[in-house]
Amino acid sequence: MNQAIEICEGMRVVLHYRITLENGTVVESTFEDQPIEFVIGDGTLHSGVELALFGKVKGEKEKIRIGPEIAYGYPDEDAIHIMPKSDFPATMQLQPGMLVSFTTPSGDEAPGMIVEDLGDAYKVDLNHPLAGHEFEFEFEVLDVGNGAGT
């Protein structure tokens, strides 16, 4: 009889998940689409969110609450910047509340939210959009295997 494989660092995982904010807003969900497949620790999910999966096996379903201290942290005032409109393509019609993708000096992509139109500049919040939020993480583990594939 095969023993169920538990999720741990380096394991390949296939799952459906949903992230729902305190106010009921669904931020992300794969339940209505294709499940995601990733390796624990590869950065697909935040490490604090991955912790909820450790020890789970194929077929498990759960809903848990995750606070900012575990997942995306708290907003940092140093991550709010005033950026001249000339830094953005003239074709971009930006408005407060819009998310814009920025490339960091290391080449990574990072989201930034346009907070305010200051006339000749924008106030941009580069904190993670989930920073400061407690959310519900619902998941269903569809498959677990070693990181190189099963």
N, C-alpha and C. Protein backbone atom coordinates (compact mmCIF):
# COMPACT_ATOMS: atom_id res chain seq x y z
N MET A 1 0.85 -1.19 0.00
CA MET A 1 0.00 0.00 0.00
C MET A 1 0.88 1.24 0.00
N ASN A 2 0.63 2.15 -0.92
CA ASN A 2 1.42 3.38 -1.01
C ASN A 2 1.03 4.35 0.08
N GLN A 3 2.04 4.94 0.68
CA GLN A 3 1.79 5.98 1.68
C GLN A 3 1.70 7.32 0.95
N ALA A 4 0.76 8.16 1.38
CA ALA A 4 0.59 9.47 0.76
C ALA A 4 1.85 10.30 0.92
N ILE A 5 2.19 11.03 -0.12
CA ILE A 5 3.37 11.90 -0.10
C ILE A 5 2.96 13.24 0.49
N GLU A 6 3.66 13.66 1.53
CA GLU A 6 3.38 14.95 2.16
C GLU A 6 4.14 16.07 1.47
N ILE A 7 3.50 17.22 1.39
CA ILE A 7 4.13 18.39 0.80
C ILE A 7 5.22 18.91 1.73
N CYS A 8 6.41 19.13 1.17
CA CYS A 8 7.52 19.74 1.90
C CYS A 8 8.38 20.50 0.88
N GLU A 9 9.43 21.13 1.35
CA GLU A 9 10.33 21.90 0.49
C GLU A 9 10.79 21.07 -0.69
N GLY A 10 10.71 21.66 -1.90
CA GLY A 10 11.20 21.01 -3.10
C GLY A 10 10.22 20.07 -3.78
N MET A 11 9.03 19.88 -3.19
CA MET A 11 8.05 18.98 -3.79
C MET A 11 7.29 19.68 -4.91
N ARG A 12 6.92 18.92 -5.93
CA ARG A 12 6.07 19.42 -7.00
C ARG A 12 4.63 19.28 -6.52
N VAL A 13 3.86 20.36 -6.69
CA VAL A 13 2.48 20.38 -6.21
C VAL A 13 1.57 20.87 -7.34
N VAL A 14 0.42 20.23 -7.48
CA VAL A 14 -0.63 20.68 -8.38
C VAL A 14 -1.84 20.95 -7.50
N LEU A 15 -2.37 22.17 -7.60
CA LEU A 15 -3.51 22.50 -6.75
C LEU A 15 -4.37 23.59 -7.35
N HIS A 16 -5.58 23.65 -6.81
CA HIS A 16 -6.47 24.79 -7.03
C HIS A 16 -6.39 25.62 -5.77
N TYR A 17 -6.47 26.94 -5.93
CA TYR A 17 -6.48 27.79 -4.75
C TYR A 17 -7.29 29.05 -5.02
N ARG A 18 -7.69 29.67 -3.91
CA ARG A 18 -8.42 30.94 -3.97
C ARG A 18 -7.94 31.80 -2.81
N ILE A 19 -7.67 33.07 -3.10
CA ILE A 19 -7.31 34.05 -2.07
C ILE A 19 -8.45 35.06 -2.01
N THR A 20 -9.05 35.18 -0.82
CA THR A 20 -10.19 36.08 -0.62
C THR A 20 -9.86 37.05 0.50
N LEU A 21 -10.03 38.35 0.23
CA LEU A 21 -9.76 39.38 1.24
C LEU A 21 -10.84 39.41 2.31
N GLU A 22 -10.56 40.18 3.38
CA GLU A 22 -11.48 40.31 4.51
C GLU A 22 -12.87 40.76 4.07
N ASN A 23 -12.94 41.59 3.03
CA ASN A 23 -14.22 42.15 2.59
C ASN A 23 -14.94 41.24 1.59
N GLY A 24 -14.39 40.04 1.33
CA GLY A 24 -15.04 39.10 0.43
C GLY A 24 -14.55 39.17 -1.01
N THR A 25 -13.68 40.13 -1.32
CA THR A 25 -13.15 40.26 -2.67
C THR A 25 -12.21 39.09 -2.98
N VAL A 26 -12.48 38.39 -4.07
CA VAL A 26 -11.59 37.31 -4.50
C VAL A 26 -10.46 37.93 -5.31
N VAL A 27 -9.24 37.77 -4.82
CA VAL A 27 -8.07 38.35 -5.46
C VAL A 27 -7.56 37.44 -6.57
N GLU A 28 -7.49 36.17 -6.28
CA GLU A 28 -7.01 35.18 -7.25
C GLU A 28 -7.77 33.89 -7.03
N SER A 29 -8.05 33.17 -8.11
CA SER A 29 -8.67 31.86 -7.99
C SER A 29 -8.36 31.04 -9.23
N THR A 30 -8.03 29.77 -9.01
CA THR A 30 -7.83 28.85 -10.12
C THR A 30 -8.96 27.84 -10.21
N PHE A 31 -9.91 27.88 -9.28
CA PHE A 31 -10.98 26.87 -9.25
C PHE A 31 -11.81 26.87 -10.52
N GLU A 32 -11.96 28.02 -11.17
CA GLU A 32 -12.76 28.12 -12.39
C GLU A 32 -11.91 27.93 -13.64
N ASP A 33 -10.64 27.64 -13.47
CA ASP A 33 -9.70 27.56 -14.59
C ASP A 33 -8.80 26.35 -14.39
N GLN A 34 -7.61 26.42 -14.93
CA GLN A 34 -6.63 25.35 -14.79
C GLN A 34 -5.96 25.45 -13.41
N PRO A 35 -5.64 24.32 -12.79
CA PRO A 35 -4.88 24.36 -11.54
C PRO A 35 -3.46 24.85 -11.82
N ILE A 36 -2.77 25.25 -10.76
CA ILE A 36 -1.36 25.63 -10.93
C ILE A 36 -0.48 24.45 -10.55
N GLU A 37 0.67 24.38 -11.18
CA GLU A 37 1.68 23.38 -10.86
C GLU A 37 2.97 24.13 -10.60
N PHE A 38 3.61 23.82 -9.48
CA PHE A 38 4.83 24.51 -9.10
C PHE A 38 5.63 23.64 -8.14
N VAL A 39 6.83 24.08 -7.84
CA VAL A 39 7.69 23.40 -6.87
C VAL A 39 7.76 24.28 -5.63
N ILE A 40 7.52 23.69 -4.47
CA ILE A 40 7.58 24.43 -3.22
C ILE A 40 8.96 25.09 -3.10
N GLY A 41 8.95 26.39 -2.93
CA GLY A 41 10.20 27.14 -2.80
C GLY A 41 10.64 27.83 -4.07
N ASP A 42 9.90 27.65 -5.18
CA ASP A 42 10.33 28.26 -6.45
C ASP A 42 9.85 29.70 -6.61
N GLY A 43 9.08 30.21 -5.65
CA GLY A 43 8.63 31.59 -5.71
C GLY A 43 7.27 31.79 -6.37
N THR A 44 6.65 30.72 -6.84
CA THR A 44 5.32 30.85 -7.45
C THR A 44 4.33 31.41 -6.43
N LEU A 45 4.32 30.83 -5.24
CA LEU A 45 3.52 31.35 -4.13
C LEU A 45 4.46 31.94 -3.10
N HIS A 46 3.99 32.93 -2.37
CA HIS A 46 4.79 33.52 -1.29
C HIS A 46 5.11 32.43 -0.27
N SER A 47 6.31 32.47 0.29
CA SER A 47 6.74 31.43 1.24
C SER A 47 5.79 31.33 2.43
N GLY A 48 5.23 32.45 2.88
CA GLY A 48 4.28 32.41 3.99
C GLY A 48 3.00 31.68 3.63
N VAL A 49 2.60 31.77 2.37
CA VAL A 49 1.41 31.06 1.90
C VAL A 49 1.74 29.58 1.74
N GLU A 50 2.94 29.28 1.24
CA GLU A 50 3.36 27.88 1.07
C GLU A 50 3.36 27.13 2.39
N LEU A 51 3.65 27.82 3.49
CA LEU A 51 3.69 27.15 4.79
C LEU A 51 2.38 26.43 5.09
N ALA A 52 1.26 26.98 4.62
CA ALA A 52 -0.05 26.36 4.86
C ALA A 52 -0.16 25.01 4.17
N LEU A 53 0.68 24.76 3.17
CA LEU A 53 0.60 23.52 2.41
C LEU A 53 1.47 22.40 3.00
N PHE A 54 2.45 22.75 3.82
CA PHE A 54 3.38 21.75 4.35
C PHE A 54 2.62 20.67 5.12
N GLY A 55 2.95 19.41 4.82
CA GLY A 55 2.33 18.28 5.50
C GLY A 55 1.03 17.82 4.87
N LYS A 56 0.51 18.57 3.91
CA LYS A 56 -0.74 18.18 3.24
C LYS A 56 -0.45 17.10 2.20
N VAL A 57 -1.48 16.35 1.84
CA VAL A 57 -1.33 15.27 0.86
C VAL A 57 -2.40 15.42 -0.22
N LYS A 58 -2.23 14.68 -1.30
CA LYS A 58 -3.18 14.68 -2.41
C LYS A 58 -4.59 14.46 -1.87
N GLY A 59 -5.53 15.29 -2.35
CA GLY A 59 -6.92 15.16 -1.95
C GLY A 59 -7.34 16.06 -0.81
N GLU A 60 -6.40 16.63 -0.09
CA GLU A 60 -6.77 17.49 1.04
C GLU A 60 -7.30 18.83 0.55
N LYS A 61 -8.31 19.31 1.27
CA LYS A 61 -8.91 20.62 1.01
C LYS A 61 -8.93 21.36 2.34
N GLU A 62 -8.70 22.67 2.27
CA GLU A 62 -8.70 23.45 3.51
C GLU A 62 -8.90 24.92 3.21
N LYS A 63 -9.42 25.64 4.19
CA LYS A 63 -9.50 27.10 4.16
C LYS A 63 -8.84 27.58 5.44
N ILE A 64 -7.85 28.46 5.29
CA ILE A 64 -7.20 29.01 6.47
C ILE A 64 -7.06 30.52 6.32
N ARG A 65 -6.96 31.21 7.45
CA ARG A 65 -6.74 32.65 7.45
C ARG A 65 -5.25 32.88 7.60
N ILE A 66 -4.72 33.79 6.78
CA ILE A 66 -3.30 34.12 6.83
C ILE A 66 -3.18 35.62 7.02
N GLY A 67 -2.43 36.02 8.05
CA GLY A 67 -2.25 37.43 8.35
C GLY A 67 -1.03 38.01 7.67
N PRO A 68 -0.94 39.35 7.67
CA PRO A 68 0.19 40.01 7.01
C PRO A 68 1.54 39.64 7.60
N GLU A 69 1.58 39.31 8.88
CA GLU A 69 2.86 38.97 9.50
C GLU A 69 3.43 37.67 8.94
N ILE A 70 2.59 36.82 8.37
CA ILE A 70 3.04 35.55 7.78
C ILE A 70 3.28 35.70 6.28
N ALA A 71 2.44 36.45 5.61
CA ALA A 71 2.48 36.47 4.15
C ALA A 71 3.17 37.72 3.61
N TYR A 72 2.42 38.74 3.27
CA TYR A 72 2.95 39.86 2.48
C TYR A 72 3.41 41.06 3.31
N GLY A 73 3.39 40.93 4.62
CA GLY A 73 3.90 42.00 5.48
C GLY A 73 2.96 43.19 5.57
N TYR A 74 3.48 44.25 6.15
CA TYR A 74 2.72 45.48 6.34
C TYR A 74 3.22 46.53 5.36
N PRO A 75 2.35 47.47 4.96
CA PRO A 75 2.80 48.52 4.04
C PRO A 75 3.98 49.30 4.61
N ASP A 76 4.91 49.66 3.72
CA ASP A 76 6.10 50.42 4.08
C ASP A 76 6.02 51.78 3.38
N GLU A 77 6.05 52.85 4.16
CA GLU A 77 5.97 54.21 3.58
C GLU A 77 7.10 54.47 2.58
N ASP A 78 8.25 53.82 2.78
CA ASP A 78 9.38 54.01 1.86
C ASP A 78 9.12 53.42 0.48
N ALA A 79 8.05 52.62 0.35
CA ALA A 79 7.72 52.02 -0.94
C ALA A 79 6.74 52.89 -1.73
N ILE A 80 6.42 54.07 -1.22
CA ILE A 80 5.54 54.99 -1.93
C ILE A 80 6.41 56.07 -2.55
N HIS A 81 6.29 56.23 -3.86
CA HIS A 81 7.17 57.14 -4.60
C HIS A 81 6.36 58.11 -5.46
N ILE A 82 6.93 59.28 -5.66
CA ILE A 82 6.39 60.25 -6.61
C ILE A 82 7.20 60.06 -7.90
N MET A 83 6.49 59.76 -8.98
CA MET A 83 7.17 59.48 -10.25
C MET A 83 6.64 60.43 -11.32
N PRO A 84 7.55 61.14 -12.01
CA PRO A 84 7.11 62.06 -13.07
C PRO A 84 6.35 61.32 -14.16
N LYS A 85 5.34 61.96 -14.70
CA LYS A 85 4.56 61.35 -15.79
C LYS A 85 5.46 61.05 -16.98
N SER A 86 6.54 61.78 -17.13
CA SER A 86 7.46 61.55 -18.25
C SER A 86 8.15 60.19 -18.15
N ASP A 87 8.11 59.54 -16.96
CA ASP A 87 8.69 58.21 -16.79
C ASP A 87 7.80 57.12 -17.39
N PHE A 88 6.57 57.48 -17.76
CA PHE A 88 5.61 56.52 -18.28
C PHE A 88 5.39 56.77 -19.77
N PRO A 89 5.09 55.72 -20.53
CA PRO A 89 4.78 55.93 -21.95
C PRO A 89 3.59 56.88 -22.10
N ALA A 90 3.67 57.78 -23.06
CA ALA A 90 2.61 58.78 -23.28
C ALA A 90 1.27 58.12 -23.60
N THR A 91 1.31 56.90 -24.12
CA THR A 91 0.08 56.20 -24.50
C THR A 91 -0.65 55.59 -23.30
N MET A 92 0.02 55.52 -22.14
CA MET A 92 -0.62 54.94 -20.97
C MET A 92 -1.60 55.94 -20.35
N GLN A 93 -2.84 55.55 -20.22
CA GLN A 93 -3.87 56.37 -19.60
C GLN A 93 -4.03 55.88 -18.16
N LEU A 94 -3.21 56.41 -17.25
CA LEU A 94 -3.20 55.94 -15.87
C LEU A 94 -4.19 56.69 -15.02
N GLN A 95 -4.81 55.95 -14.09
CA GLN A 95 -5.76 56.52 -13.15
C GLN A 95 -5.52 55.90 -11.78
N PRO A 96 -5.86 56.62 -10.72
CA PRO A 96 -5.74 56.04 -9.37
C PRO A 96 -6.48 54.71 -9.29
N GLY A 97 -5.83 53.75 -8.64
CA GLY A 97 -6.40 52.41 -8.48
C GLY A 97 -5.87 51.41 -9.49
N MET A 98 -5.20 51.89 -10.55
CA MET A 98 -4.66 50.98 -11.56
C MET A 98 -3.35 50.36 -11.09
N LEU A 99 -3.17 49.08 -11.43
CA LEU A 99 -1.91 48.40 -11.17
C LEU A 99 -1.05 48.48 -12.43
N VAL A 100 0.23 48.80 -12.22
CA VAL A 100 1.19 48.91 -13.31
C VAL A 100 2.36 48.00 -12.97
N SER A 101 2.90 47.33 -13.96
CA SER A 101 4.05 46.46 -13.75
C SER A 101 5.33 47.26 -13.97
N PHE A 102 6.24 47.17 -13.02
CA PHE A 102 7.53 47.84 -13.09
C PHE A 102 8.63 46.80 -13.11
N THR A 103 9.73 47.10 -13.76
CA THR A 103 10.90 46.23 -13.76
C THR A 103 11.90 46.78 -12.75
N THR A 104 12.28 45.93 -11.79
CA THR A 104 13.23 46.34 -10.77
C THR A 104 14.65 46.36 -11.36
N PRO A 105 15.60 47.01 -10.67
CA PRO A 105 16.98 47.01 -11.16
C PRO A 105 17.55 45.61 -11.38
N SER A 106 17.04 44.62 -10.61
CA SER A 106 17.53 43.24 -10.77
C SER A 106 16.83 42.50 -11.90
N GLY A 107 15.85 43.17 -12.57
CA GLY A 107 15.16 42.56 -13.69
C GLY A 107 13.86 41.87 -13.34
N ASP A 108 13.49 41.86 -12.06
CA ASP A 108 12.23 41.24 -11.64
C ASP A 108 11.07 42.17 -11.96
N GLU A 109 9.88 41.60 -12.09
CA GLU A 109 8.67 42.38 -12.28
C GLU A 109 8.04 42.63 -10.92
N ALA A 110 7.58 43.87 -10.69
CA ALA A 110 6.93 44.22 -9.43
C ALA A 110 5.71 45.08 -9.72
N PRO A 111 4.58 44.78 -9.06
CA PRO A 111 3.40 45.60 -9.28
C PRO A 111 3.47 46.89 -8.49
N GLY A 112 2.92 47.95 -9.05
CA GLY A 112 2.79 49.22 -8.35
C GLY A 112 1.41 49.77 -8.60
N MET A 113 0.80 50.34 -7.57
CA MET A 113 -0.54 50.89 -7.73
C MET A 113 -0.46 52.40 -7.84
N ILE A 114 -1.15 52.95 -8.83
CA ILE A 114 -1.26 54.40 -8.96
C ILE A 114 -2.20 54.86 -7.86
N VAL A 115 -1.68 55.65 -6.94
CA VAL A 115 -2.47 56.09 -5.79
C VAL A 115 -3.13 57.44 -6.06
N GLU A 116 -2.37 58.33 -6.73
CA GLU A 116 -2.89 59.68 -6.92
C GLU A 116 -2.25 60.32 -8.15
N ASP A 117 -3.05 61.09 -8.89
CA ASP A 117 -2.56 61.88 -10.02
C ASP A 117 -2.24 63.26 -9.47
N LEU A 118 -0.96 63.63 -9.51
CA LEU A 118 -0.51 64.90 -8.93
C LEU A 118 -0.31 65.98 -10.00
N GLY A 119 -0.88 65.80 -11.16
CA GLY A 119 -0.73 66.77 -12.24
C GLY A 119 0.40 66.39 -13.17
N ASP A 120 1.64 66.68 -12.78
CA ASP A 120 2.79 66.33 -13.62
C ASP A 120 3.50 65.06 -13.14
N ALA A 121 2.92 64.41 -12.10
CA ALA A 121 3.52 63.20 -11.54
C ALA A 121 2.41 62.31 -10.98
N TYR A 122 2.80 61.07 -10.68
CA TYR A 122 1.89 60.13 -10.03
C TYR A 122 2.49 59.73 -8.69
N LYS A 123 1.63 59.53 -7.72
CA LYS A 123 2.05 58.89 -6.47
C LYS A 123 1.82 57.41 -6.69
N VAL A 124 2.89 56.60 -6.56
CA VAL A 124 2.85 55.18 -6.85
C VAL A 124 3.23 54.39 -5.59
N ASP A 125 2.40 53.41 -5.27
CA ASP A 125 2.65 52.54 -4.11
C ASP A 125 3.22 51.22 -4.62
N LEU A 126 4.49 50.96 -4.27
CA LEU A 126 5.16 49.74 -4.72
C LEU A 126 5.09 48.62 -3.68
N ASN A 127 4.32 48.82 -2.61
CA ASN A 127 4.08 47.72 -1.67
C ASN A 127 3.33 46.62 -2.41
N HIS A 128 3.50 45.39 -1.98
CA HIS A 128 2.72 44.29 -2.57
C HIS A 128 1.25 44.62 -2.36
N PRO A 129 0.40 44.38 -3.36
CA PRO A 129 -1.02 44.70 -3.22
C PRO A 129 -1.71 44.03 -2.03
N LEU A 130 -1.16 42.93 -1.54
CA LEU A 130 -1.76 42.25 -0.38
C LEU A 130 -1.10 42.64 0.94
N ALA A 131 -0.12 43.55 0.91
CA ALA A 131 0.53 43.99 2.14
C ALA A 131 -0.51 44.60 3.08
N GLY A 132 -0.46 44.18 4.34
CA GLY A 132 -1.39 44.69 5.34
C GLY A 132 -2.71 43.97 5.40
N HIS A 133 -2.94 43.03 4.52
CA HIS A 133 -4.23 42.33 4.49
C HIS A 133 -4.15 40.96 5.14
N GLU A 134 -5.20 40.63 5.89
CA GLU A 134 -5.43 39.25 6.28
C GLU A 134 -6.34 38.68 5.21
N PHE A 135 -6.11 37.44 4.82
CA PHE A 135 -6.94 36.85 3.78
C PHE A 135 -7.18 35.39 4.06
N GLU A 136 -8.19 34.86 3.37
CA GLU A 136 -8.49 33.44 3.45
C GLU A 136 -7.81 32.76 2.27
N PHE A 137 -7.09 31.71 2.56
CA PHE A 137 -6.42 30.90 1.54
C PHE A 137 -7.13 29.56 1.53
N GLU A 138 -7.84 29.31 0.44
CA GLU A 138 -8.55 28.05 0.26
C GLU A 138 -7.82 27.25 -0.80
N PHE A 139 -7.63 25.97 -0.55
CA PHE A 139 -6.91 25.16 -1.53
C PHE A 139 -7.41 23.73 -1.55
N GLU A 140 -7.16 23.07 -2.69
CA GLU A 140 -7.40 21.65 -2.86
C GLU A 140 -6.17 21.08 -3.54
N VAL A 141 -5.49 20.16 -2.87
CA VAL A 141 -4.28 19.55 -3.41
C VAL A 141 -4.69 18.43 -4.39
N LEU A 142 -4.30 18.58 -5.64
CA LEU A 142 -4.66 17.61 -6.68
C LEU A 142 -3.58 16.55 -6.89
N ASP A 143 -2.32 16.93 -6.68
CA ASP A 143 -1.23 15.98 -6.87
C ASP A 143 0.02 16.47 -6.14
N VAL A 144 0.83 15.55 -5.71
CA VAL A 144 2.11 15.83 -5.04
C VAL A 144 3.14 14.86 -5.56
N GLY A 145 4.31 15.36 -5.89
CA GLY A 145 5.38 14.48 -6.35
C GLY A 145 6.73 15.11 -6.06
N ASN A 146 7.80 14.46 -6.49
CA ASN A 146 9.10 15.08 -6.26
C ASN A 146 9.29 16.24 -7.23
N GLY A 147 10.20 17.14 -6.92
CA GLY A 147 10.39 18.37 -7.69
C GLY A 147 10.73 18.17 -9.15
N ALA A 148 11.34 17.07 -9.49
CA ALA A 148 11.73 16.82 -10.88
C ALA A 148 10.59 16.20 -11.68
N GLY A 149 9.45 16.00 -11.04
CA GLY A 149 8.32 15.33 -11.71
C GLY A 149 8.16 13.95 -11.14
N THR A 150 7.02 13.35 -11.35
CA THR A 150 6.79 12.03 -10.75
C THR A 150 7.12 10.92 -11.70
